[in-house]
Each structure stands twice: as structure tokens, then as C-alpha cells.
Amino acid sequence: MYRLGVVLADLENPERLLYRSPNPVLSPETEYEIGKKGESWVPNVVFTCGAVPAQDKEVLDATDEILVYYGAADTHICLATGRVGELLPESVRQEVMGKNLCHL
């Protein structure tokens, strides 16, 4: 099973990881994500194809929406949405913004 999580890297030094979600934020659940036997190349997976803010902004707020494009069971391309505040805990957002380590 492949699932998606959230990582946040330092803007100036992308090798430095600022946050990694302890749990997946997207797992295969629906029929098209799980796949049908004999119809899906790789069943039971979701894999990221890209993530972008819904609105073009320099700095994102907790209420701003993120669009996540993902593949499902190697058969479908899908779109999931979430808010920054749902994906990054408040304590992480405050620490990152306070130290000006990245643009969310």
C-alpha cells in the first residue's frame, strides 16, 4: 500500500527537513484508488503527481487551500484538496513563520 504524507523543507536549504507528518494524509480508500483485480497495474496505491496552492500567493495562511494531484491504482489521475492548517500543525506553522524558514 502506498499513501501520501506531508513534508516541509527549509526554503534556503531544501535538504533540511522542517516537518514530516507522523501519519498519512491520503490513503487508498475508494474503489478507483484500491483498483480492481485484473484492471489496475498497481492496485491499492495513491502517489503524488504535484501540489500547488489554489491561489498564487507568496505566503500561505492556515485557511489557504492546497490542490494535490495524485495517481490512483495506476489507473486514474485525481485531485484532493486540503487547507494548510489541516496539513501542518499550528506549532509547526508558528515556528516556521517565526524563524522565516520558508514560505508556506
PDB file of N, CA and C in Angstrom:
ATOM      1  N   MET A   1       0.841  -1.178   0.000  1.00  0.00           N
ATOM      2  CA  MET A   1       0.000   0.000   0.000  1.00  0.00           C
ATOM      3  C   MET A   1       0.885   1.240   0.000  1.00  0.00           C
ATOM      4  N   TYR A   2       0.590   2.181  -0.887  1.00  0.00           N
ATOM      5  CA  TYR A   2       1.285   3.466  -0.929  1.00  0.00           C
ATOM      6  C   TYR A   2       0.312   4.534  -0.459  1.00  0.00           C
ATOM      7  N   ARG A   3       0.796   5.416   0.419  1.00  0.00           N
ATOM      8  CA  ARG A   3      -0.011   6.509   0.954  1.00  0.00           C
ATOM      9  C   ARG A   3       0.791   7.799   0.879  1.00  0.00           C
ATOM     10  N   LEU A   4       0.106   8.924   1.036  1.00  0.00           N
ATOM     11  CA  LEU A   4       0.774  10.232   0.991  1.00  0.00           C
ATOM     12  C   LEU A   4       0.880  10.834   2.385  1.00  0.00           C
ATOM     13  N   GLY A   5       2.007  11.477   2.625  1.00  0.00           N
ATOM     14  CA  GLY A   5       2.211  12.234   3.843  1.00  0.00           C
ATOM     15  C   GLY A   5       2.607  13.653   3.476  1.00  0.00           C
ATOM     16  N   VAL A   6       2.943  14.432   4.486  1.00  0.00           N
ATOM     17  CA  VAL A   6       3.323  15.829   4.280  1.00  0.00           C
ATOM     18  C   VAL A   6       4.756  16.019   4.772  1.00  0.00           C
ATOM     19  N   VAL A   7       5.563  16.697   3.980  1.00  0.00           N
ATOM     20  CA  VAL A   7       6.892  17.123   4.419  1.00  0.00           C
ATOM     21  C   VAL A   7       7.024  18.617   4.134  1.00  0.00           C
ATOM     22  N   LEU A   8       7.808  19.264   4.950  1.00  0.00           N
ATOM     23  CA  LEU A   8       8.085  20.682   4.774  1.00  0.00           C
ATOM     24  C   LEU A   8       9.596  20.852   4.853  1.00  0.00           C
ATOM     25  N   ALA A   9      10.173  21.421   3.793  1.00  0.00           N
ATOM     26  CA  ALA A   9      11.619  21.615   3.722  1.00  0.00           C
ATOM     27  C   ALA A   9      11.960  23.092   3.871  1.00  0.00           C
ATOM     28  N   ASP A  10      13.145  23.358   4.367  1.00  0.00           N
ATOM     29  CA  ASP A  10      13.663  24.714   4.516  1.00  0.00           C
ATOM     30  C   ASP A  10      13.754  25.368   3.139  1.00  0.00           C
ATOM     31  N   LEU A  11      13.296  26.590   3.014  1.00  0.00           N
ATOM     32  CA  LEU A  11      13.292  27.312   1.740  1.00  0.00           C
ATOM     33  C   LEU A  11      14.712  27.524   1.207  1.00  0.00           C
ATOM     34  N   GLU A  12      15.635  27.888   2.072  1.00  0.00           N
ATOM     35  CA  GLU A  12      17.006  28.181   1.653  1.00  0.00           C
ATOM     36  C   GLU A  12      17.875  26.928   1.562  1.00  0.00           C
ATOM     37  N   ASN A  13      17.519  25.887   2.309  1.00  0.00           N
ATOM     38  CA  ASN A  13      18.297  24.655   2.339  1.00  0.00           C
ATOM     39  C   ASN A  13      17.329  23.470   2.276  1.00  0.00           C
ATOM     40  N   PRO A  14      16.864  23.107   1.090  1.00  0.00           N
ATOM     41  CA  PRO A  14      15.844  22.070   0.952  1.00  0.00           C
ATOM     42  C   PRO A  14      16.257  20.704   1.504  1.00  0.00           C
ATOM     43  N   GLU A  15      17.538  20.512   1.761  1.00  0.00           N
ATOM     44  CA  GLU A  15      17.979  19.261   2.385  1.00  0.00           C
ATOM     45  C   GLU A  15      17.559  19.192   3.848  1.00  0.00           C
ATOM     46  N   ARG A  16      17.258  20.333   4.432  1.00  0.00           N
ATOM     47  CA  ARG A  16      16.867  20.396   5.848  1.00  0.00           C
ATOM     48  C   ARG A  16      15.363  20.211   5.965  1.00  0.00           C
ATOM     49  N   LEU A  17      14.975  19.144   6.603  1.00  0.00           N
ATOM     50  CA  LEU A  17      13.563  18.830   6.786  1.00  0.00           C
ATOM     51  C   LEU A  17      13.039  19.529   8.035  1.00  0.00           C
ATOM     52  N   LEU A  18      11.970  20.320   7.876  1.00  0.00           N
ATOM     53  CA  LEU A  18      11.385  21.050   8.995  1.00  0.00           C
ATOM     54  C   LEU A  18      10.241  20.284   9.649  1.00  0.00           C
ATOM     55  N   TYR A  19       9.539  19.486   8.858  1.00  0.00           N
ATOM     56  CA  TYR A  19       8.402  18.738   9.393  1.00  0.00           C
ATOM     57  C   TYR A  19       8.107  17.543   8.501  1.00  0.00           C
ATOM     58  N   ARG A  20       7.730  16.459   9.130  1.00  0.00           N
ATOM     59  CA  ARG A  20       7.253  15.269   8.420  1.00  0.00           C
ATOM     60  C   ARG A  20       6.044  14.755   9.185  1.00  0.00           C
ATOM     61  N   SER A  21       4.926  14.598   8.509  1.00  0.00           N
ATOM     62  CA  SER A  21       3.712  14.152   9.184  1.00  0.00           C
ATOM     63  C   SER A  21       3.908  12.741   9.746  1.00  0.00           C
ATOM     64  N   PRO A  22       3.450  12.520  10.962  1.00  0.00           N
ATOM     65  CA  PRO A  22       3.615  11.202  11.567  1.00  0.00           C
ATOM     66  C   PRO A  22       2.684  10.150  10.962  1.00  0.00           C
ATOM     67  N   ASN A  23       1.611  10.603  10.328  1.00  0.00           N
ATOM     68  CA  ASN A  23       0.627   9.707   9.741  1.00  0.00           C
ATOM     69  C   ASN A  23       0.321  10.130   8.314  1.00  0.00           C
ATOM     70  N   PRO A  24      -0.143   9.203   7.498  1.00  0.00           N
ATOM     71  CA  PRO A  24      -0.534   9.565   6.130  1.00  0.00           C
ATOM     72  C   PRO A  24      -1.692  10.562   6.139  1.00  0.00           C
ATOM     73  N   VAL A  25      -1.724  11.410   5.124  1.00  0.00           N
ATOM     74  CA  VAL A  25      -2.847  12.340   4.959  1.00  0.00           C
ATOM     75  C   VAL A  25      -3.797  11.869   3.860  1.00  0.00           C
ATOM     76  N   LEU A  26      -3.344  10.909   3.055  1.00  0.00           N
ATOM     77  CA  LEU A  26      -4.193  10.347   1.999  1.00  0.00           C
ATOM     78  C   LEU A  26      -3.820   8.877   1.812  1.00  0.00           C
ATOM     79  N   SER A  27      -4.811   8.017   1.939  1.00  0.00           N
ATOM     80  CA  SER A  27      -4.628   6.570   1.773  1.00  0.00           C
ATOM     81  C   SER A  27      -5.642   6.061   0.769  1.00  0.00           C
ATOM     82  N   PRO A  28      -5.344   4.942   0.084  1.00  0.00           N
ATOM     83  CA  PRO A  28      -6.327   4.380  -0.841  1.00  0.00           C
ATOM     84  C   PRO A  28      -7.569   3.917  -0.080  1.00  0.00           C
ATOM     85  N   GLU A  29      -8.724   4.444  -0.470  1.00  0.00           N
ATOM     86  CA  GLU A  29      -9.977   4.093   0.198  1.00  0.00           C
ATOM     87  C   GLU A  29     -11.090   3.779  -0.797  1.00  0.00           C
ATOM     88  N   THR A  30     -11.154   4.554  -1.871  1.00  0.00           N
ATOM     89  CA  THR A  30     -12.249   4.384  -2.822  1.00  0.00           C
ATOM     90  C   THR A  30     -11.928   3.259  -3.805  1.00  0.00           C
ATOM     91  N   GLU A  31     -12.927   2.826  -4.525  1.00  0.00           N
ATOM     92  CA  GLU A  31     -12.741   1.724  -5.481  1.00  0.00           C
ATOM     93  C   GLU A  31     -11.690   2.061  -6.529  1.00  0.00           C
ATOM     94  N   TYR A  32     -11.690   3.305  -7.031  1.00  0.00           N
ATOM     95  CA  TYR A  32     -10.715   3.661  -8.055  1.00  0.00           C
ATOM     96  C   TYR A  32      -9.303   3.798  -7.496  1.00  0.00           C
ATOM     97  N   GLU A  33      -9.141   4.023  -6.181  1.00  0.00           N
ATOM     98  CA  GLU A  33      -7.815   4.068  -5.557  1.00  0.00           C
ATOM     99  C   GLU A  33      -7.308   2.663  -5.208  1.00  0.00           C
ATOM    100  N   ILE A  34      -8.217   1.827  -4.801  1.00  0.00           N
ATOM    101  CA  ILE A  34      -7.863   0.447  -4.458  1.00  0.00           C
ATOM    102  C   ILE A  34      -7.633  -0.363  -5.725  1.00  0.00           C
ATOM    103  N   GLY A  35      -8.440  -0.103  -6.735  1.00  0.00           N
ATOM    104  CA  GLY A  35      -8.297  -0.787  -8.015  1.00  0.00           C
ATOM    105  C   GLY A  35      -9.053  -2.105  -8.056  1.00  0.00           C
ATOM    106  N   LYS A  36      -9.301  -2.550  -9.249  1.00  0.00           N
ATOM    107  CA  LYS A  36      -9.991  -3.823  -9.461  1.00  0.00           C
ATOM    108  C   LYS A  36      -8.990  -4.853  -9.952  1.00  0.00           C
ATOM    109  N   LYS A  37      -9.101  -6.047  -9.443  1.00  0.00           N
ATOM    110  CA  LYS A  37      -8.203  -7.128  -9.837  1.00  0.00           C
ATOM    111  C   LYS A  37      -8.266  -7.322 -11.350  1.00  0.00           C
ATOM    112  N   GLY A  38      -7.104  -7.323 -11.972  1.00  0.00           N
ATOM    113  CA  GLY A  38      -7.011  -7.507 -13.411  1.00  0.00           C
ATOM    114  C   GLY A  38      -7.204  -6.245 -14.229  1.00  0.00           C
ATOM    115  N   GLU A  39      -7.608  -5.138 -13.593  1.00  0.00           N
ATOM    116  CA  GLU A  39      -7.835  -3.893 -14.317  1.00  0.00           C
ATOM    117  C   GLU A  39      -6.840  -2.790 -13.947  1.00  0.00           C
ATOM    118  N   SER A  40      -6.149  -2.954 -12.836  1.00  0.00           N
ATOM    119  CA  SER A  40      -5.206  -1.935 -12.360  1.00  0.00           C
ATOM    120  C   SER A  40      -3.791  -2.492 -12.415  1.00  0.00           C
ATOM    121  N   TRP A  41      -2.880  -1.692 -12.911  1.00  0.00           N
ATOM    122  CA  TRP A  41      -1.476  -2.122 -12.957  1.00  0.00           C
ATOM    123  C   TRP A  41      -0.935  -2.291 -11.551  1.00  0.00           C
ATOM    124  N   VAL A  42      -1.144  -1.281 -10.711  1.00  0.00           N
ATOM    125  CA  VAL A  42      -0.650  -1.313  -9.337  1.00  0.00           C
ATOM    126  C   VAL A  42      -1.814  -0.964  -8.412  1.00  0.00           C
ATOM    127  N   PRO A  43      -2.495  -1.952  -7.878  1.00  0.00           N
ATOM    128  CA  PRO A  43      -3.640  -1.676  -7.019  1.00  0.00           C
ATOM    129  C   PRO A  43      -3.226  -1.182  -5.627  1.00  0.00           C
ATOM    130  N   ASN A  44      -4.154  -0.523  -4.958  1.00  0.00           N
ATOM    131  CA  ASN A  44      -4.014  -0.110  -3.569  1.00  0.00           C
ATOM    132  C   ASN A  44      -2.908   0.925  -3.347  1.00  0.00           C
ATOM    133  N   VAL A  45      -2.819   1.892  -4.263  1.00  0.00           N
ATOM    134  CA  VAL A  45      -1.817   2.951  -4.100  1.00  0.00           C
ATOM    135  C   VAL A  45      -2.390   4.317  -4.480  1.00  0.00           C
ATOM    136  N   VAL A  46      -1.903   5.332  -3.789  1.00  0.00           N
ATOM    137  CA  VAL A  46      -2.072   6.724  -4.210  1.00  0.00           C
ATOM    138  C   VAL A  46      -0.667   7.311  -4.227  1.00  0.00           C
ATOM    139  N   PHE A  47      -0.337   8.053  -5.272  1.00  0.00           N
ATOM    140  CA  PHE A  47       1.008   8.624  -5.376  1.00  0.00           C
ATOM    141  C   PHE A  47       0.901  10.031  -5.921  1.00  0.00           C
ATOM    142  N   THR A  48       1.669  10.925  -5.314  1.00  0.00           N
ATOM    143  CA  THR A  48       1.585  12.328  -5.662  1.00  0.00           C
ATOM    144  C   THR A  48       2.137  12.613  -7.058  1.00  0.00           C
ATOM    145  N   CYS A  49       1.453  13.507  -7.745  1.00  0.00           N
ATOM    146  CA  CYS A  49       1.907  13.980  -9.053  1.00  0.00           C
ATOM    147  C   CYS A  49       2.261  15.456  -8.979  1.00  0.00           C
ATOM    148  N   GLY A  50       1.836  16.131  -7.919  1.00  0.00           N
ATOM    149  CA  GLY A  50       2.137  17.540  -7.746  1.00  0.00           C
ATOM    150  C   GLY A  50       1.195  18.178  -6.750  1.00  0.00           C
ATOM    151  N   ALA A  51       1.633  19.252  -6.138  1.00  0.00           N
ATOM    152  CA  ALA A  51       0.803  20.004  -5.191  1.00  0.00           C
ATOM    153  C   ALA A  51       1.055  21.487  -5.401  1.00  0.00           C
ATOM    154  N   VAL A  52      -0.012  22.248  -5.449  1.00  0.00           N
ATOM    155  CA  VAL A  52       0.086  23.691  -5.670  1.00  0.00           C
ATOM    156  C   VAL A  52      -0.950  24.408  -4.816  1.00  0.00           C
ATOM    157  N   PRO A  53      -0.688  25.667  -4.461  1.00  0.00           N
ATOM    158  CA  PRO A  53      -1.722  26.436  -3.761  1.00  0.00           C
ATOM    159  C   PRO A  53      -2.869  26.755  -4.721  1.00  0.00           C
ATOM    160  N   ALA A  54      -4.075  26.829  -4.203  1.00  0.00           N
ATOM    161  CA  ALA A  54      -5.241  27.151  -5.033  1.00  0.00           C
ATOM    162  C   ALA A  54      -5.154  28.583  -5.556  1.00  0.00           C
ATOM    163  N   GLN A  55      -4.546  29.474  -4.783  1.00  0.00           N
ATOM    164  CA  GLN A  55      -4.338  30.853  -5.214  1.00  0.00           C
ATOM    165  C   GLN A  55      -2.845  31.153  -5.188  1.00  0.00           C
ATOM    166  N   ASP A  56      -2.383  31.884  -6.172  1.00  0.00           N
ATOM    167  CA  ASP A  56      -0.974  32.240  -6.255  1.00  0.00           C
ATOM    168  C   ASP A  56      -0.670  33.303  -5.206  1.00  0.00           C
ATOM    169  N   LYS A  57       0.031  32.893  -4.152  1.00  0.00           N
ATOM    170  CA  LYS A  57       0.389  33.795  -3.065  1.00  0.00           C
ATOM    171  C   LYS A  57       1.827  33.535  -2.660  1.00  0.00           C
ATOM    172  N   GLU A  58       2.500  34.557  -2.159  1.00  0.00           N
ATOM    173  CA  GLU A  58       3.875  34.430  -1.664  1.00  0.00           C
ATOM    174  C   GLU A  58       3.908  33.617  -0.370  1.00  0.00           C
ATOM    175  N   VAL A  59       3.005  33.939   0.556  1.00  0.00           N
ATOM    176  CA  VAL A  59       2.946  33.266   1.854  1.00  0.00           C
ATOM    177  C   VAL A  59       1.526  32.755   2.060  1.00  0.00           C
ATOM    178  N   LEU A  60       1.403  31.486   2.401  1.00  0.00           N
ATOM    179  CA  LEU A  60       0.089  30.884   2.608  1.00  0.00           C
ATOM    180  C   LEU A  60      -0.299  30.937   4.078  1.00  0.00           C
ATOM    181  N   ASP A  61      -1.588  31.142   4.322  1.00  0.00           N
ATOM    182  CA  ASP A  61      -2.152  31.144   5.662  1.00  0.00           C
ATOM    183  C   ASP A  61      -2.770  29.780   5.956  1.00  0.00           C
ATOM    184  N   ALA A  62      -3.124  29.567   7.198  1.00  0.00           N
ATOM    185  CA  ALA A  62      -3.724  28.297   7.621  1.00  0.00           C
ATOM    186  C   ALA A  62      -5.004  27.983   6.850  1.00  0.00           C
ATOM    187  N   THR A  63      -5.736  29.006   6.434  1.00  0.00           N
ATOM    188  CA  THR A  63      -7.005  28.786   5.743  1.00  0.00           C
ATOM    189  C   THR A  63      -6.858  28.620   4.235  1.00  0.00           C
ATOM    190  N   ASP A  64      -5.653  28.812   3.710  1.00  0.00           N
ATOM    191  CA  ASP A  64      -5.441  28.682   2.266  1.00  0.00           C
ATOM    192  C   ASP A  64      -5.508  27.221   1.833  1.00  0.00           C
ATOM    193  N   GLU A  65      -6.037  27.039   0.635  1.00  0.00           N
ATOM    194  CA  GLU A  65      -6.262  25.702   0.101  1.00  0.00           C
ATOM    195  C   GLU A  65      -5.071  25.224  -0.734  1.00  0.00           C
ATOM    196  N   ILE A  66      -4.756  23.949  -0.595  1.00  0.00           N
ATOM    197  CA  ILE A  66      -3.720  23.285  -1.380  1.00  0.00           C
ATOM    198  C   ILE A  66      -4.408  22.270  -2.292  1.00  0.00           C
ATOM    199  N   LEU A  67      -4.002  22.232  -3.558  1.00  0.00           N
ATOM    200  CA  LEU A  67      -4.515  21.245  -4.513  1.00  0.00           C
ATOM    201  C   LEU A  67      -3.446  20.171  -4.701  1.00  0.00           C
ATOM    202  N   VAL A  68      -3.819  18.926  -4.486  1.00  0.00           N
ATOM    203  CA  VAL A  68      -2.876  17.814  -4.618  1.00  0.00           C
ATOM    204  C   VAL A  68      -3.363  16.904  -5.737  1.00  0.00           C
ATOM    205  N   TYR A  69      -2.575  16.845  -6.786  1.00  0.00           N
ATOM    206  CA  TYR A  69      -2.870  15.944  -7.894  1.00  0.00           C
ATOM    207  C   TYR A  69      -2.194  14.614  -7.591  1.00  0.00           C
ATOM    208  N   TYR A  70      -2.953  13.522  -7.753  1.00  0.00           N
ATOM    209  CA  TYR A  70      -2.378  12.225  -7.421  1.00  0.00           C
ATOM    210  C   TYR A  70      -2.910  11.135  -8.330  1.00  0.00           C
ATOM    211  N   GLY A  71      -2.097  10.107  -8.478  1.00  0.00           N
ATOM    212  CA  GLY A  71      -2.495   8.934  -9.233  1.00  0.00           C
ATOM    213  C   GLY A  71      -3.122   7.922  -8.295  1.00  0.00           C
ATOM    214  N   ALA A  72      -4.067   7.169  -8.813  1.00  0.00           N
ATOM    215  CA  ALA A  72      -4.760   6.162  -8.015  1.00  0.00           C
ATOM    216  C   ALA A  72      -4.731   4.829  -8.752  1.00  0.00           C
ATOM    217  N   ALA A  73      -4.131   3.823  -8.102  1.00  0.00           N
ATOM    218  CA  ALA A  73      -4.060   2.457  -8.621  1.00  0.00           C
ATOM    219  C   ALA A  73      -3.506   2.394 -10.045  1.00  0.00           C
ATOM    220  N   ASP A  74      -2.665   3.347 -10.391  1.00  0.00           N
ATOM    221  CA  ASP A  74      -2.061   3.417 -11.736  1.00  0.00           C
ATOM    222  C   ASP A  74      -3.110   3.389 -12.843  1.00  0.00           C
ATOM    223  N   THR A  75      -4.300   3.897 -12.531  1.00  0.00           N
ATOM    224  CA  THR A  75      -5.407   3.866 -13.484  1.00  0.00           C
ATOM    225  C   THR A  75      -6.063   5.235 -13.642  1.00  0.00           C
ATOM    226  N   HIS A  76      -6.061   6.044 -12.603  1.00  0.00           N
ATOM    227  CA  HIS A  76      -6.751   7.331 -12.598  1.00  0.00           C
ATOM    228  C   HIS A  76      -5.812   8.441 -12.133  1.00  0.00           C
ATOM    229  N   ILE A  77      -6.097   9.655 -12.589  1.00  0.00           N
ATOM    230  CA  ILE A  77      -5.471  10.868 -12.053  1.00  0.00           C
ATOM    231  C   ILE A  77      -6.564  11.581 -11.275  1.00  0.00           C
ATOM    232  N   CYS A  78      -6.244  11.997 -10.058  1.00  0.00           N
ATOM    233  CA  CYS A  78      -7.250  12.550  -9.152  1.00  0.00           C
ATOM    234  C   CYS A  78      -6.776  13.879  -8.572  1.00  0.00           C
ATOM    235  N   LEU A  79      -7.704  14.564  -7.924  1.00  0.00           N
ATOM    236  CA  LEU A  79      -7.399  15.819  -7.244  1.00  0.00           C
ATOM    237  C   LEU A  79      -7.981  15.766  -5.844  1.00  0.00           C
ATOM    238  N   ALA A  80      -7.132  16.019  -4.856  1.00  0.00           N
ATOM    239  CA  ALA A  80      -7.578  16.151  -3.469  1.00  0.00           C
ATOM    240  C   ALA A  80      -7.269  17.573  -3.030  1.00  0.00           C
ATOM    241  N   THR A  81      -8.044  18.071  -2.094  1.00  0.00           N
ATOM    242  CA  THR A  81      -7.797  19.412  -1.576  1.00  0.00           C
ATOM    243  C   THR A  81      -7.669  19.355  -0.065  1.00  0.00           C
ATOM    244  N   GLY A  82      -6.944  20.305   0.470  1.00  0.00           N
ATOM    245  CA  GLY A  82      -6.805  20.435   1.909  1.00  0.00           C
ATOM    246  C   GLY A  82      -6.372  21.850   2.229  1.00  0.00           C
ATOM    247  N   ARG A  83      -6.501  22.211   3.454  1.00  0.00           N
ATOM    248  CA  ARG A  83      -6.078  23.535   3.913  1.00  0.00           C
ATOM    249  C   ARG A  83      -4.740  23.401   4.627  1.00  0.00           C
ATOM    250  N   VAL A  84      -3.926  24.432   4.527  1.00  0.00           N
ATOM    251  CA  VAL A  84      -2.610  24.417   5.162  1.00  0.00           C
ATOM    252  C   VAL A  84      -2.740  24.036   6.638  1.00  0.00           C
ATOM    253  N   GLY A  85      -3.726  24.597   7.303  1.00  0.00           N
ATOM    254  CA  GLY A  85      -3.934  24.323   8.722  1.00  0.00           C
ATOM    255  C   GLY A  85      -4.321  22.889   9.019  1.00  0.00           C
ATOM    256  N   GLU A  86      -4.855  22.181   8.046  1.00  0.00           N
ATOM    257  CA  GLU A  86      -5.190  20.766   8.222  1.00  0.00           C
ATOM    258  C   GLU A  86      -3.956  19.882   8.001  1.00  0.00           C
ATOM    259  N   LEU A  87      -2.997  20.391   7.250  1.00  0.00           N
ATOM    260  CA  LEU A  87      -1.837  19.589   6.872  1.00  0.00           C
ATOM    261  C   LEU A  87      -0.614  19.839   7.754  1.00  0.00           C
ATOM    262  N   LEU A  88      -0.512  21.027   8.330  1.00  0.00           N
ATOM    263  CA  LEU A  88       0.615  21.372   9.199  1.00  0.00           C
ATOM    264  C   LEU A  88       0.090  21.823  10.557  1.00  0.00           C
ATOM    265  N   PRO A  89       0.543  21.200  11.633  1.00  0.00           N
ATOM    266  CA  PRO A  89       0.085  21.618  12.963  1.00  0.00           C
ATOM    267  C   PRO A  89       0.416  23.088  13.247  1.00  0.00           C
ATOM    268  N   GLU A  90      -0.404  23.710  14.065  1.00  0.00           N
ATOM    269  CA  GLU A  90      -0.222  25.114  14.432  1.00  0.00           C
ATOM    270  C   GLU A  90       1.183  25.377  14.969  1.00  0.00           C
ATOM    271  N   SER A  91       1.679  24.500  15.824  1.00  0.00           N
ATOM    272  CA  SER A  91       3.013  24.717  16.413  1.00  0.00           C
ATOM    273  C   SER A  91       4.100  24.746  15.336  1.00  0.00           C
ATOM    274  N   VAL A  92       3.981  23.923  14.325  1.00  0.00           N
ATOM    275  CA  VAL A  92       4.956  23.901  13.228  1.00  0.00           C
ATOM    276  C   VAL A  92       4.837  25.177  12.407  1.00  0.00           C
ATOM    277  N   ARG A  93       3.609  25.583  12.083  1.00  0.00           N
ATOM    278  CA  ARG A  93       3.417  26.813  11.304  1.00  0.00           C
ATOM    279  C   ARG A  93       4.000  28.014  12.029  1.00  0.00           C
ATOM    280  N   GLN A  94       3.761  28.115  13.338  1.00  0.00           N
ATOM    281  CA  GLN A  94       4.261  29.257  14.113  1.00  0.00           C
ATOM    282  C   GLN A  94       5.785  29.258  14.166  1.00  0.00           C
ATOM    283  N   GLU A  95       6.382  28.100  14.372  1.00  0.00           N
ATOM    284  CA  GLU A  95       7.842  28.020  14.442  1.00  0.00           C
ATOM    285  C   GLU A  95       8.477  28.388  13.105  1.00  0.00           C
ATOM    286  N   VAL A  96       7.922  27.864  12.030  1.00  0.00           N
ATOM    287  CA  VAL A  96       8.463  28.123  10.698  1.00  0.00           C
ATOM    288  C   VAL A  96       8.323  29.595  10.339  1.00  0.00           C
ATOM    289  N   MET A  97       7.162  30.154  10.552  1.00  0.00           N
ATOM    290  CA  MET A  97       6.939  31.547  10.202  1.00  0.00           C
ATOM    291  C   MET A  97       7.737  32.485  11.110  1.00  0.00           C
ATOM    292  N   GLY A  98       7.851  32.135  12.396  1.00  0.00           N
ATOM    293  CA  GLY A  98       8.598  32.959  13.340  1.00  0.00           C
ATOM    294  C   GLY A  98      10.067  33.054  12.988  1.00  0.00           C
ATOM    295  N   LYS A  99      10.620  31.990  12.429  1.00  0.00           N
ATOM    296  CA  LYS A  99      12.028  31.975  12.067  1.00  0.00           C
ATOM    297  C   LYS A  99      12.237  32.326  10.589  1.00  0.00           C
ATOM    298  N   ASN A 100      11.109  32.562   9.878  1.00  0.00           N
ATOM    299  CA  ASN A 100      11.170  32.906   8.459  1.00  0.00           C
ATOM    300  C   ASN A 100      11.971  31.874   7.658  1.00  0.00           C
ATOM    301  N   LEU A 101      11.685  30.590   7.916  1.00  0.00           N
ATOM    302  CA  LEU A 101      12.427  29.498   7.272  1.00  0.00           C
ATOM    303  C   LEU A 101      11.875  29.132   5.917  1.00  0.00           C
ATOM    304  N   CYS A 102      10.632  29.456   5.670  1.00  0.00           N
ATOM    305  CA  CYS A 102      10.064  29.106   4.370  1.00  0.00           C
ATOM    306  C   CYS A 102       8.819  29.935   4.127  1.00  0.00           C
ATOM    307  N   HIS A 103       8.350  29.878   2.913  1.00  0.00           N
ATOM    308  CA  HIS A 103       7.065  30.471   2.563  1.00  0.00           C
ATOM    309  C   HIS A 103       6.082  29.340   2.462  1.00  0.00           C
ATOM    310  N   LEU A 104       5.080  29.329   3.303  1.00  0.00           N
ATOM    311  CA  LEU A 104       4.079  28.264   3.240  1.00  0.00           C
ATOM    312  C   LEU A 104       3.118  28.506   2.113  1.00  0.00           C
TER     313      LEU A 104
END
